[in-house]
N, C-alpha and C. Protein backbone atom coordinates (compact mmCIF):
# COMPACT_ATOMS: atom_id res chain seq x y z
N MET A 1 8.40 -25.22 -3.93
CA MET A 1 8.00 -23.82 -3.72
C MET A 1 8.37 -23.01 -4.94
N THR A 2 7.43 -22.27 -5.51
CA THR A 2 7.69 -21.48 -6.70
C THR A 2 8.51 -20.25 -6.36
N ALA A 3 9.00 -19.55 -7.42
CA ALA A 3 9.77 -18.32 -7.20
C ALA A 3 8.92 -17.28 -6.49
N ILE A 4 7.63 -17.19 -6.88
CA ILE A 4 6.73 -16.24 -6.24
C ILE A 4 6.55 -16.59 -4.77
N ASP A 5 6.37 -17.90 -4.49
CA ASP A 5 6.20 -18.33 -3.11
C ASP A 5 7.45 -18.02 -2.29
N ARG A 6 8.62 -18.25 -2.87
CA ARG A 6 9.87 -17.96 -2.15
C ARG A 6 9.98 -16.48 -1.85
N ARG A 7 9.60 -15.63 -2.84
CA ARG A 7 9.66 -14.19 -2.63
C ARG A 7 8.71 -13.77 -1.50
N THR A 8 7.50 -14.32 -1.53
CA THR A 8 6.52 -13.96 -0.52
C THR A 8 6.98 -14.41 0.85
N PHE A 9 7.52 -15.64 0.93
CA PHE A 9 7.99 -16.16 2.22
C PHE A 9 9.11 -15.28 2.76
N SER A 10 10.02 -14.86 1.88
CA SER A 10 11.14 -14.02 2.32
C SER A 10 10.65 -12.68 2.85
N LEU A 11 9.67 -12.08 2.16
CA LEU A 11 9.12 -10.81 2.61
C LEU A 11 8.47 -10.95 3.98
N GLN A 12 7.70 -12.01 4.16
CA GLN A 12 7.03 -12.19 5.43
C GLN A 12 8.02 -12.50 6.54
N ALA A 13 9.02 -13.30 6.24
CA ALA A 13 10.02 -13.62 7.24
C ALA A 13 10.79 -12.39 7.67
N ALA A 14 11.10 -11.51 6.71
CA ALA A 14 11.80 -10.27 7.04
C ALA A 14 10.98 -9.41 7.97
N ALA A 15 9.70 -9.30 7.68
CA ALA A 15 8.84 -8.47 8.52
C ALA A 15 8.71 -9.05 9.91
N LEU A 16 8.56 -10.37 10.02
CA LEU A 16 8.41 -10.99 11.34
C LEU A 16 9.70 -10.88 12.14
N ALA A 17 10.83 -10.96 11.48
CA ALA A 17 12.10 -10.78 12.18
C ALA A 17 12.23 -9.38 12.73
N CYS A 18 11.78 -8.39 11.94
CA CYS A 18 11.80 -7.01 12.42
C CYS A 18 10.91 -6.84 13.64
N ALA A 19 9.74 -7.48 13.60
CA ALA A 19 8.81 -7.39 14.71
C ALA A 19 9.43 -7.98 15.96
N ALA A 20 10.12 -9.10 15.81
CA ALA A 20 10.72 -9.75 16.97
C ALA A 20 11.80 -8.89 17.60
N ALA A 21 12.44 -8.06 16.78
CA ALA A 21 13.48 -7.18 17.31
C ALA A 21 12.92 -6.10 18.20
N GLY A 22 11.64 -5.79 18.05
CA GLY A 22 10.99 -4.80 18.90
C GLY A 22 11.50 -3.39 18.70
N LEU A 23 11.97 -3.07 17.52
CA LEU A 23 12.55 -1.76 17.26
C LEU A 23 11.68 -0.99 16.28
N PRO A 24 11.64 0.35 16.38
CA PRO A 24 10.94 1.13 15.37
C PRO A 24 11.62 0.96 14.03
N GLY A 25 10.84 1.11 12.95
CA GLY A 25 11.29 0.80 11.62
C GLY A 25 12.69 1.27 11.24
N PRO A 26 12.95 2.59 11.17
CA PRO A 26 14.24 3.04 10.69
C PRO A 26 15.41 2.61 11.55
N ALA A 27 15.18 2.31 12.83
CA ALA A 27 16.28 1.84 13.66
C ALA A 27 16.83 0.52 13.15
N ARG A 28 16.01 -0.26 12.45
CA ARG A 28 16.44 -1.55 11.94
C ARG A 28 17.40 -1.37 10.77
N ALA A 29 17.46 -0.20 10.18
CA ALA A 29 18.26 -0.01 8.97
C ALA A 29 19.49 0.84 9.21
N GLN A 30 19.86 1.07 10.47
CA GLN A 30 20.96 1.98 10.75
C GLN A 30 22.25 1.54 10.07
N GLY A 31 22.49 0.22 9.99
CA GLY A 31 23.73 -0.26 9.41
C GLY A 31 23.62 -0.65 7.96
N PHE A 32 22.52 -0.29 7.32
CA PHE A 32 22.26 -0.72 5.95
C PHE A 32 22.19 0.48 5.03
N THR A 33 22.92 0.41 3.92
CA THR A 33 22.87 1.46 2.92
C THR A 33 22.30 0.90 1.63
N PRO A 34 21.07 1.29 1.25
CA PRO A 34 20.47 0.77 0.02
C PRO A 34 21.28 1.18 -1.20
N THR A 35 21.34 0.32 -2.18
CA THR A 35 22.09 0.57 -3.40
C THR A 35 21.12 0.85 -4.55
N GLU A 36 21.31 1.98 -5.21
CA GLU A 36 20.45 2.33 -6.34
C GLU A 36 20.66 1.33 -7.48
N GLY A 37 19.56 0.92 -8.08
CA GLY A 37 19.62 -0.05 -9.16
C GLY A 37 19.48 -1.47 -8.69
N ARG A 38 19.90 -1.74 -7.47
CA ARG A 38 19.73 -3.07 -6.90
C ARG A 38 18.54 -3.10 -5.94
N ASP A 39 18.47 -2.09 -5.05
CA ASP A 39 17.45 -2.06 -4.01
C ASP A 39 16.34 -1.05 -4.28
N PHE A 40 16.63 -0.03 -5.06
CA PHE A 40 15.65 1.01 -5.31
C PHE A 40 16.00 1.75 -6.58
N ARG A 41 15.02 2.52 -7.07
CA ARG A 41 15.31 3.47 -8.15
C ARG A 41 14.94 4.86 -7.66
N ALA A 42 15.77 5.82 -8.02
CA ALA A 42 15.51 7.21 -7.67
C ALA A 42 14.73 7.87 -8.80
N LEU A 43 13.76 8.70 -8.43
CA LEU A 43 12.96 9.37 -9.44
C LEU A 43 13.76 10.49 -10.09
N ALA A 44 13.66 10.60 -11.40
CA ALA A 44 14.33 11.69 -12.10
C ALA A 44 13.72 13.03 -11.72
N HIS A 45 12.42 13.01 -11.45
CA HIS A 45 11.71 14.23 -11.06
C HIS A 45 10.97 13.96 -9.76
N PRO A 46 11.50 14.44 -8.62
CA PRO A 46 10.85 14.17 -7.33
C PRO A 46 9.40 14.62 -7.31
N VAL A 47 8.61 13.89 -6.55
CA VAL A 47 7.19 14.18 -6.39
C VAL A 47 7.00 15.08 -5.18
N ALA A 48 6.17 16.10 -5.32
CA ALA A 48 5.91 17.00 -4.19
C ALA A 48 5.22 16.24 -3.07
N VAL A 49 5.67 16.44 -1.84
CA VAL A 49 5.07 15.81 -0.66
C VAL A 49 4.69 16.90 0.33
N PRO A 50 3.73 16.61 1.21
CA PRO A 50 3.32 17.62 2.19
C PRO A 50 4.48 18.05 3.09
N ASN A 51 4.49 19.30 3.47
CA ASN A 51 5.50 19.81 4.39
C ASN A 51 5.01 19.58 5.82
N SER A 52 4.97 18.31 6.19
CA SER A 52 4.37 17.92 7.47
C SER A 52 5.40 17.55 8.53
N GLY A 53 6.66 17.51 8.13
CA GLY A 53 7.68 17.06 9.05
C GLY A 53 7.77 15.54 9.14
N LYS A 54 7.01 14.84 8.29
CA LYS A 54 7.01 13.39 8.29
C LYS A 54 7.53 12.86 6.95
N VAL A 55 8.09 11.66 6.99
CA VAL A 55 8.51 11.00 5.76
C VAL A 55 7.30 10.24 5.21
N GLU A 56 6.92 10.55 3.99
CA GLU A 56 5.75 9.92 3.37
C GLU A 56 6.14 8.60 2.70
N VAL A 57 5.42 7.54 3.05
CA VAL A 57 5.65 6.23 2.46
C VAL A 57 4.34 5.72 1.88
N PHE A 58 4.39 5.21 0.65
CA PHE A 58 3.19 4.72 -0.02
C PHE A 58 3.36 3.25 -0.39
N GLU A 59 2.28 2.49 -0.22
CA GLU A 59 2.21 1.15 -0.80
C GLU A 59 1.17 1.19 -1.91
N PHE A 60 1.60 0.90 -3.13
CA PHE A 60 0.70 0.81 -4.28
C PHE A 60 0.23 -0.64 -4.40
N PHE A 61 -1.09 -0.83 -4.41
CA PHE A 61 -1.63 -2.18 -4.41
C PHE A 61 -2.87 -2.27 -5.28
N TRP A 62 -3.31 -3.52 -5.49
CA TRP A 62 -4.57 -3.79 -6.18
C TRP A 62 -5.23 -4.96 -5.47
N TYR A 63 -6.51 -4.83 -5.17
CA TYR A 63 -7.21 -5.89 -4.45
C TYR A 63 -7.17 -7.23 -5.19
N GLY A 64 -7.11 -7.19 -6.51
CA GLY A 64 -7.09 -8.43 -7.28
C GLY A 64 -5.71 -9.04 -7.45
N CYS A 65 -4.69 -8.43 -6.89
CA CYS A 65 -3.31 -8.89 -7.04
C CYS A 65 -2.99 -9.93 -5.97
N PRO A 66 -2.70 -11.18 -6.35
CA PRO A 66 -2.40 -12.20 -5.34
C PRO A 66 -1.14 -11.90 -4.55
N HIS A 67 -0.16 -11.23 -5.19
CA HIS A 67 1.06 -10.88 -4.48
C HIS A 67 0.77 -9.84 -3.40
N CYS A 68 -0.11 -8.89 -3.69
CA CYS A 68 -0.50 -7.89 -2.69
C CYS A 68 -1.19 -8.56 -1.52
N PHE A 69 -2.05 -9.51 -1.81
CA PHE A 69 -2.77 -10.24 -0.77
C PHE A 69 -1.78 -11.00 0.13
N GLN A 70 -0.81 -11.65 -0.47
CA GLN A 70 0.19 -12.39 0.30
C GLN A 70 1.14 -11.45 1.05
N PHE A 71 1.36 -10.28 0.50
CA PHE A 71 2.25 -9.28 1.09
C PHE A 71 1.63 -8.61 2.31
N GLU A 72 0.31 -8.55 2.36
CA GLU A 72 -0.39 -7.74 3.36
C GLU A 72 -0.05 -8.09 4.81
N PRO A 73 0.00 -9.36 5.23
CA PRO A 73 0.34 -9.63 6.64
C PRO A 73 1.71 -9.10 7.04
N ALA A 74 2.69 -9.27 6.15
CA ALA A 74 4.03 -8.75 6.43
C ALA A 74 4.02 -7.23 6.49
N LEU A 75 3.29 -6.62 5.58
CA LEU A 75 3.19 -5.16 5.57
C LEU A 75 2.56 -4.65 6.85
N GLU A 76 1.49 -5.30 7.30
CA GLU A 76 0.83 -4.86 8.53
C GLU A 76 1.78 -4.92 9.72
N THR A 77 2.59 -5.96 9.78
CA THR A 77 3.58 -6.06 10.86
C THR A 77 4.56 -4.91 10.80
N TRP A 78 5.05 -4.62 9.60
CA TRP A 78 6.02 -3.54 9.43
C TRP A 78 5.40 -2.19 9.80
N VAL A 79 4.19 -1.95 9.33
CA VAL A 79 3.52 -0.67 9.62
C VAL A 79 3.31 -0.48 11.12
N SER A 80 3.02 -1.57 11.82
CA SER A 80 2.76 -1.46 13.26
C SER A 80 3.97 -0.99 14.04
N LEU A 81 5.16 -1.07 13.44
CA LEU A 81 6.39 -0.68 14.12
C LEU A 81 6.93 0.68 13.67
N LEU A 82 6.22 1.35 12.79
CA LEU A 82 6.73 2.63 12.28
C LEU A 82 6.74 3.70 13.37
N PRO A 83 7.78 4.52 13.40
CA PRO A 83 7.81 5.64 14.34
C PRO A 83 6.86 6.75 13.90
N ARG A 84 6.65 7.71 14.79
CA ARG A 84 5.63 8.73 14.55
C ARG A 84 5.98 9.70 13.43
N ASP A 85 7.24 9.77 13.05
CA ASP A 85 7.59 10.72 12.00
C ASP A 85 7.52 10.11 10.60
N VAL A 86 6.87 8.95 10.49
CA VAL A 86 6.63 8.33 9.18
C VAL A 86 5.13 8.26 8.95
N ALA A 87 4.68 8.78 7.80
CA ALA A 87 3.27 8.74 7.43
C ALA A 87 3.10 7.69 6.34
N PHE A 88 2.35 6.64 6.64
CA PHE A 88 2.15 5.54 5.70
C PHE A 88 0.78 5.65 5.05
N HIS A 89 0.74 5.43 3.72
CA HIS A 89 -0.52 5.53 2.97
C HIS A 89 -0.64 4.35 2.01
N ARG A 90 -1.81 3.75 1.96
CA ARG A 90 -2.11 2.77 0.93
C ARG A 90 -2.68 3.49 -0.28
N VAL A 91 -2.24 3.10 -1.48
CA VAL A 91 -2.71 3.73 -2.71
C VAL A 91 -3.15 2.64 -3.68
N PRO A 92 -4.45 2.50 -3.93
CA PRO A 92 -4.91 1.52 -4.92
C PRO A 92 -4.64 2.02 -6.33
N VAL A 93 -4.11 1.15 -7.17
CA VAL A 93 -3.76 1.56 -8.53
C VAL A 93 -5.00 1.54 -9.42
N GLY A 94 -4.92 2.33 -10.49
CA GLY A 94 -6.01 2.40 -11.46
C GLY A 94 -5.49 2.22 -12.86
N PHE A 95 -4.78 1.11 -13.11
CA PHE A 95 -4.12 0.90 -14.39
C PHE A 95 -5.09 0.81 -15.56
N ASP A 96 -6.33 0.41 -15.28
CA ASP A 96 -7.32 0.29 -16.35
C ASP A 96 -8.70 0.54 -15.75
N ALA A 97 -9.74 0.48 -16.59
CA ALA A 97 -11.08 0.82 -16.14
C ALA A 97 -11.55 -0.08 -14.99
N ARG A 98 -11.25 -1.36 -15.08
CA ARG A 98 -11.69 -2.28 -14.02
C ARG A 98 -11.01 -1.96 -12.70
N ARG A 99 -9.72 -1.72 -12.74
CA ARG A 99 -9.01 -1.41 -11.50
C ARG A 99 -9.38 -0.03 -10.96
N GLN A 100 -9.88 0.84 -11.80
CA GLN A 100 -10.40 2.12 -11.31
C GLN A 100 -11.66 1.92 -10.47
N VAL A 101 -12.45 0.90 -10.82
CA VAL A 101 -13.58 0.53 -9.96
C VAL A 101 -13.06 0.05 -8.61
N HIS A 102 -12.00 -0.73 -8.63
CA HIS A 102 -11.44 -1.27 -7.39
C HIS A 102 -10.81 -0.17 -6.54
N GLN A 103 -10.27 0.86 -7.19
CA GLN A 103 -9.82 2.04 -6.45
C GLN A 103 -10.97 2.59 -5.61
N ARG A 104 -12.12 2.68 -6.22
CA ARG A 104 -13.28 3.28 -5.57
C ARG A 104 -13.72 2.46 -4.36
N VAL A 105 -13.51 1.14 -4.43
CA VAL A 105 -13.83 0.29 -3.28
C VAL A 105 -13.04 0.74 -2.06
N PHE A 106 -11.72 0.87 -2.24
CA PHE A 106 -10.87 1.26 -1.11
C PHE A 106 -11.25 2.63 -0.58
N TYR A 107 -11.43 3.60 -1.46
CA TYR A 107 -11.70 4.96 -0.99
C TYR A 107 -13.11 5.11 -0.41
N THR A 108 -14.01 4.22 -0.80
CA THR A 108 -15.31 4.20 -0.13
C THR A 108 -15.16 3.74 1.31
N TRP A 109 -14.38 2.66 1.51
CA TRP A 109 -14.13 2.23 2.89
C TRP A 109 -13.43 3.34 3.68
N GLU A 110 -12.48 4.00 3.05
CA GLU A 110 -11.77 5.08 3.73
C GLU A 110 -12.72 6.21 4.12
N ALA A 111 -13.60 6.60 3.20
CA ALA A 111 -14.54 7.69 3.47
C ALA A 111 -15.47 7.35 4.64
N LEU A 112 -15.77 6.07 4.80
CA LEU A 112 -16.67 5.63 5.87
C LEU A 112 -15.93 5.24 7.15
N GLY A 113 -14.61 5.39 7.14
CA GLY A 113 -13.83 5.03 8.32
C GLY A 113 -13.78 3.54 8.57
N LEU A 114 -13.86 2.74 7.49
CA LEU A 114 -13.97 1.29 7.62
C LEU A 114 -12.78 0.52 7.06
N VAL A 115 -11.68 1.19 6.80
CA VAL A 115 -10.53 0.48 6.22
C VAL A 115 -10.06 -0.63 7.16
N ASP A 116 -9.91 -0.33 8.45
CA ASP A 116 -9.44 -1.35 9.39
C ASP A 116 -10.38 -2.55 9.42
N GLN A 117 -11.66 -2.31 9.29
CA GLN A 117 -12.66 -3.38 9.36
C GLN A 117 -12.76 -4.16 8.06
N MET A 118 -12.62 -3.47 6.91
CA MET A 118 -12.99 -4.08 5.64
C MET A 118 -11.83 -4.36 4.68
N HIS A 119 -10.66 -3.81 4.93
CA HIS A 119 -9.56 -3.94 3.96
C HIS A 119 -9.17 -5.41 3.76
N ARG A 120 -8.91 -6.11 4.83
CA ARG A 120 -8.50 -7.51 4.69
C ARG A 120 -9.66 -8.36 4.16
N LYS A 121 -10.88 -8.08 4.61
CA LYS A 121 -12.04 -8.82 4.12
C LYS A 121 -12.20 -8.64 2.61
N THR A 122 -11.88 -7.44 2.12
CA THR A 122 -11.98 -7.18 0.69
C THR A 122 -10.92 -7.98 -0.07
N PHE A 123 -9.70 -8.00 0.44
CA PHE A 123 -8.67 -8.84 -0.15
C PHE A 123 -9.11 -10.30 -0.21
N GLU A 124 -9.70 -10.77 0.88
CA GLU A 124 -10.13 -12.17 0.93
C GLU A 124 -11.25 -12.45 -0.07
N ARG A 125 -12.15 -11.49 -0.24
CA ARG A 125 -13.22 -11.69 -1.21
C ARG A 125 -12.64 -11.87 -2.61
N PHE A 126 -11.67 -11.03 -2.97
CA PHE A 126 -11.05 -11.12 -4.30
C PHE A 126 -10.22 -12.39 -4.46
N ASN A 127 -9.44 -12.73 -3.45
CA ASN A 127 -8.40 -13.73 -3.62
C ASN A 127 -8.70 -15.10 -3.03
N VAL A 128 -9.64 -15.16 -2.10
CA VAL A 128 -10.03 -16.44 -1.52
C VAL A 128 -11.39 -16.88 -2.06
N SER A 129 -12.38 -15.99 -1.94
CA SER A 129 -13.72 -16.31 -2.45
C SER A 129 -13.82 -16.18 -3.97
N ARG A 130 -12.84 -15.48 -4.57
CA ARG A 130 -12.83 -15.28 -6.03
C ARG A 130 -14.09 -14.54 -6.49
N LYS A 131 -14.48 -13.53 -5.73
CA LYS A 131 -15.65 -12.73 -6.08
C LYS A 131 -15.25 -11.26 -6.12
N PRO A 132 -14.68 -10.82 -7.23
CA PRO A 132 -14.27 -9.42 -7.32
C PRO A 132 -15.45 -8.47 -7.22
N ILE A 133 -15.15 -7.26 -6.80
CA ILE A 133 -16.18 -6.21 -6.70
C ILE A 133 -16.01 -5.33 -7.93
N ASP A 134 -16.81 -5.60 -8.96
CA ASP A 134 -16.65 -4.91 -10.23
C ASP A 134 -17.74 -3.90 -10.52
N SER A 135 -18.62 -3.64 -9.53
CA SER A 135 -19.72 -2.70 -9.75
C SER A 135 -20.25 -2.24 -8.40
N LEU A 136 -21.04 -1.19 -8.43
CA LEU A 136 -21.70 -0.73 -7.21
C LEU A 136 -22.60 -1.82 -6.65
N ALA A 137 -23.26 -2.57 -7.52
CA ALA A 137 -24.13 -3.66 -7.04
C ALA A 137 -23.33 -4.70 -6.25
N ASP A 138 -22.15 -5.05 -6.76
CA ASP A 138 -21.28 -5.98 -6.02
C ASP A 138 -20.90 -5.40 -4.66
N MET A 139 -20.58 -4.11 -4.66
CA MET A 139 -20.16 -3.44 -3.43
C MET A 139 -21.30 -3.43 -2.40
N LEU A 140 -22.51 -3.15 -2.85
CA LEU A 140 -23.64 -3.10 -1.93
C LEU A 140 -23.95 -4.49 -1.37
N ALA A 141 -23.83 -5.52 -2.20
CA ALA A 141 -24.06 -6.88 -1.70
C ALA A 141 -23.01 -7.25 -0.65
N PHE A 142 -21.76 -6.90 -0.92
CA PHE A 142 -20.67 -7.18 0.03
C PHE A 142 -20.89 -6.42 1.33
N ALA A 143 -21.28 -5.15 1.22
CA ALA A 143 -21.55 -4.35 2.42
C ALA A 143 -22.65 -4.99 3.26
N GLN A 144 -23.71 -5.40 2.60
CA GLN A 144 -24.83 -6.01 3.32
C GLN A 144 -24.39 -7.28 4.04
N GLN A 145 -23.57 -8.09 3.39
CA GLN A 145 -23.08 -9.32 4.02
C GLN A 145 -22.27 -9.04 5.29
N ASN A 146 -21.71 -7.84 5.38
CA ASN A 146 -20.86 -7.49 6.52
C ASN A 146 -21.51 -6.47 7.45
N GLY A 147 -22.81 -6.29 7.31
CA GLY A 147 -23.54 -5.42 8.22
C GLY A 147 -23.25 -3.95 8.07
N VAL A 148 -22.84 -3.54 6.88
CA VAL A 148 -22.54 -2.12 6.61
C VAL A 148 -23.73 -1.50 5.91
N ASP A 149 -24.11 -0.32 6.33
CA ASP A 149 -25.27 0.39 5.79
C ASP A 149 -25.09 0.66 4.29
N GLY A 150 -25.95 0.05 3.46
CA GLY A 150 -25.83 0.20 2.01
C GLY A 150 -26.04 1.61 1.53
N ALA A 151 -26.94 2.36 2.18
CA ALA A 151 -27.20 3.74 1.78
C ALA A 151 -25.95 4.60 1.98
N LYS A 152 -25.25 4.37 3.07
CA LYS A 152 -24.02 5.12 3.32
C LYS A 152 -22.93 4.73 2.33
N VAL A 153 -22.87 3.45 2.01
CA VAL A 153 -21.88 2.99 1.03
C VAL A 153 -22.15 3.63 -0.33
N GLN A 154 -23.40 3.64 -0.76
CA GLN A 154 -23.73 4.21 -2.06
C GLN A 154 -23.43 5.70 -2.10
N ALA A 155 -23.75 6.41 -1.01
CA ALA A 155 -23.48 7.85 -0.96
C ALA A 155 -21.98 8.12 -1.05
N ALA A 156 -21.19 7.33 -0.32
CA ALA A 156 -19.74 7.53 -0.37
C ALA A 156 -19.18 7.17 -1.74
N TRP A 157 -19.65 6.07 -2.29
CA TRP A 157 -19.19 5.59 -3.61
C TRP A 157 -19.36 6.68 -4.68
N ASN A 158 -20.46 7.39 -4.62
CA ASN A 158 -20.76 8.41 -5.63
C ASN A 158 -20.30 9.81 -5.24
N SER A 159 -19.63 9.94 -4.12
CA SER A 159 -19.28 11.26 -3.60
C SER A 159 -18.14 11.90 -4.37
N PHE A 160 -18.12 13.21 -4.35
CA PHE A 160 -17.04 13.96 -4.98
C PHE A 160 -15.70 13.65 -4.33
N SER A 161 -15.70 13.47 -3.01
CA SER A 161 -14.44 13.22 -2.31
C SER A 161 -13.81 11.89 -2.74
N VAL A 162 -14.63 10.85 -2.94
CA VAL A 162 -14.09 9.57 -3.36
C VAL A 162 -13.58 9.65 -4.80
N VAL A 163 -14.33 10.31 -5.66
CA VAL A 163 -13.87 10.49 -7.05
C VAL A 163 -12.54 11.24 -7.07
N THR A 164 -12.44 12.27 -6.23
CA THR A 164 -11.20 13.06 -6.17
C THR A 164 -10.04 12.21 -5.68
N ARG A 165 -10.28 11.39 -4.66
CA ARG A 165 -9.22 10.53 -4.13
C ARG A 165 -8.75 9.52 -5.19
N CYS A 166 -9.64 9.03 -5.99
CA CYS A 166 -9.26 8.12 -7.07
C CYS A 166 -8.36 8.82 -8.09
N HIS A 167 -8.72 10.05 -8.44
CA HIS A 167 -7.89 10.81 -9.38
C HIS A 167 -6.51 11.08 -8.78
N GLU A 168 -6.46 11.39 -7.50
CA GLU A 168 -5.18 11.63 -6.83
C GLU A 168 -4.32 10.38 -6.83
N ALA A 169 -4.95 9.21 -6.61
CA ALA A 169 -4.20 7.95 -6.60
C ALA A 169 -3.59 7.68 -7.97
N THR A 170 -4.37 7.90 -9.02
CA THR A 170 -3.85 7.67 -10.37
C THR A 170 -2.71 8.64 -10.69
N ARG A 171 -2.85 9.87 -10.23
CA ARG A 171 -1.76 10.83 -10.43
C ARG A 171 -0.49 10.37 -9.71
N LEU A 172 -0.63 9.87 -8.48
CA LEU A 172 0.54 9.39 -7.74
C LEU A 172 1.21 8.22 -8.43
N GLU A 173 0.42 7.28 -8.94
CA GLU A 173 1.03 6.13 -9.61
C GLU A 173 1.77 6.58 -10.86
N ASP A 174 1.23 7.59 -11.56
CA ASP A 174 1.93 8.14 -12.73
C ASP A 174 3.20 8.87 -12.32
N ASP A 175 3.12 9.68 -11.26
CA ASP A 175 4.28 10.45 -10.81
C ASP A 175 5.43 9.55 -10.35
N TYR A 176 5.08 8.45 -9.69
CA TYR A 176 6.11 7.52 -9.21
C TYR A 176 6.50 6.48 -10.26
N GLY A 177 5.81 6.46 -11.39
CA GLY A 177 6.12 5.49 -12.44
C GLY A 177 5.81 4.06 -12.04
N ILE A 178 4.70 3.88 -11.35
CA ILE A 178 4.32 2.55 -10.88
C ILE A 178 3.67 1.77 -12.02
N ASP A 179 4.17 0.56 -12.27
CA ASP A 179 3.60 -0.26 -13.35
C ASP A 179 3.33 -1.69 -12.90
N GLN A 180 3.47 -1.97 -11.59
CA GLN A 180 3.18 -3.29 -11.06
C GLN A 180 2.82 -3.15 -9.59
N THR A 181 2.31 -4.22 -9.01
CA THR A 181 1.97 -4.20 -7.60
C THR A 181 2.42 -5.51 -6.95
N PRO A 182 2.74 -5.47 -5.63
CA PRO A 182 2.81 -4.27 -4.79
C PRO A 182 4.13 -3.55 -5.00
N GLU A 183 4.14 -2.24 -4.82
CA GLU A 183 5.37 -1.46 -4.84
C GLU A 183 5.32 -0.42 -3.73
N MET A 184 6.48 -0.14 -3.14
CA MET A 184 6.61 0.85 -2.08
C MET A 184 7.35 2.07 -2.64
N ALA A 185 6.91 3.26 -2.23
CA ALA A 185 7.58 4.49 -2.63
C ALA A 185 7.82 5.33 -1.39
N VAL A 186 8.92 6.08 -1.40
CA VAL A 186 9.37 6.77 -0.19
C VAL A 186 9.70 8.23 -0.49
N GLY A 187 9.05 9.11 0.26
CA GLY A 187 9.46 10.50 0.34
C GLY A 187 9.44 11.30 -0.94
N GLY A 188 8.67 10.87 -1.94
CA GLY A 188 8.64 11.61 -3.19
C GLY A 188 9.89 11.46 -4.02
N ARG A 189 10.79 10.54 -3.60
CA ARG A 189 12.08 10.45 -4.26
C ARG A 189 12.48 9.05 -4.71
N PHE A 190 11.94 8.02 -4.08
CA PHE A 190 12.42 6.67 -4.34
C PHE A 190 11.28 5.68 -4.49
N VAL A 191 11.52 4.65 -5.33
CA VAL A 191 10.64 3.49 -5.42
C VAL A 191 11.48 2.27 -5.07
N VAL A 192 11.00 1.48 -4.13
CA VAL A 192 11.72 0.30 -3.67
C VAL A 192 11.53 -0.83 -4.68
N LEU A 193 12.62 -1.50 -5.04
CA LEU A 193 12.53 -2.62 -5.98
C LEU A 193 12.16 -3.89 -5.23
N ALA A 194 11.34 -4.72 -5.86
CA ALA A 194 10.86 -5.94 -5.23
C ALA A 194 12.02 -6.86 -4.87
N GLY A 195 11.91 -7.50 -3.72
CA GLY A 195 12.93 -8.43 -3.28
C GLY A 195 12.77 -8.73 -1.81
N PRO A 196 13.53 -9.68 -1.29
CA PRO A 196 13.37 -10.08 0.11
C PRO A 196 13.76 -9.00 1.10
N GLY A 197 14.51 -7.98 0.65
CA GLY A 197 14.91 -6.91 1.56
C GLY A 197 14.06 -5.67 1.45
N VAL A 198 12.82 -5.80 0.99
CA VAL A 198 12.01 -4.62 0.70
C VAL A 198 11.80 -3.74 1.92
N PHE A 199 11.59 -4.33 3.09
CA PHE A 199 11.33 -3.52 4.27
C PHE A 199 12.60 -2.86 4.78
N VAL A 200 13.71 -3.60 4.76
CA VAL A 200 14.97 -3.00 5.20
C VAL A 200 15.38 -1.88 4.25
N THR A 201 15.16 -2.09 2.96
CA THR A 201 15.44 -1.03 1.98
C THR A 201 14.57 0.19 2.26
N THR A 202 13.29 -0.03 2.49
CA THR A 202 12.39 1.08 2.78
C THR A 202 12.84 1.83 4.03
N ASP A 203 13.21 1.09 5.07
CA ASP A 203 13.71 1.73 6.29
C ASP A 203 14.96 2.54 6.02
N GLY A 204 15.85 1.98 5.18
CA GLY A 204 17.08 2.70 4.86
C GLY A 204 16.81 3.99 4.10
N LEU A 205 15.83 3.96 3.21
CA LEU A 205 15.47 5.17 2.47
C LEU A 205 14.78 6.19 3.37
N ILE A 206 14.00 5.71 4.32
CA ILE A 206 13.41 6.63 5.31
C ILE A 206 14.51 7.35 6.06
N ASN A 207 15.53 6.59 6.49
CA ASN A 207 16.66 7.19 7.17
C ASN A 207 17.37 8.21 6.29
N ARG A 208 17.55 7.87 5.02
CA ARG A 208 18.24 8.77 4.11
C ARG A 208 17.52 10.10 4.02
N ILE A 209 16.21 10.05 3.91
CA ILE A 209 15.44 11.29 3.81
C ILE A 209 15.46 12.03 5.15
N ARG A 210 15.35 11.29 6.23
CA ARG A 210 15.31 11.91 7.55
C ARG A 210 16.61 12.67 7.86
N TYR A 211 17.74 12.05 7.55
CA TYR A 211 19.01 12.61 7.98
C TYR A 211 19.79 13.34 6.88
N HIS A 212 19.38 13.14 5.63
CA HIS A 212 20.17 13.72 4.53
C HIS A 212 19.32 14.48 3.54
N ALA A 213 18.07 14.77 3.89
CA ALA A 213 17.19 15.47 2.95
C ALA A 213 17.73 16.85 2.64
């Protein structure tokens, strides 16, 4: 088993153990205190977050990232256990021109209300079928294969709202100093460092913001 495989297995095992406990996310971290430099880094300049009464959590990902693809099942398990005062958001990175196209894929699905239906299928297309979506033509072909209206996909792809969401995603990755994927960020203040305790660390930081903000 490679180092990457061991890391992925540990992440998935941690998430499944949390699920088996049947507890909401932050309750799992009550006895855990994350250590800066080992488990997370604190931002020198906090990022503004909505005044919604919720703790904002972001996962920065890229559809072409094999680690993100392997991370996704564990992440879905963890997200399913989050309490109502945590707002979770997926953020596709736009590190270069090609990945900016991939950003648009995600936000097109979001604009059409199809993330639940198409997110995992898109990961599988990139990482299993090895057929990246690098153009609108690729996107329309993929939509057709999955019974999605191509005219609606094209309209969303070219819409002002999707372009705006892509710009917002790039701004967030810059504000949080994201330079790899997958990475988790919490509350405009912290970025979780990769490791087998990523979910417990994230839960601990949620608690920190909830009780000590």
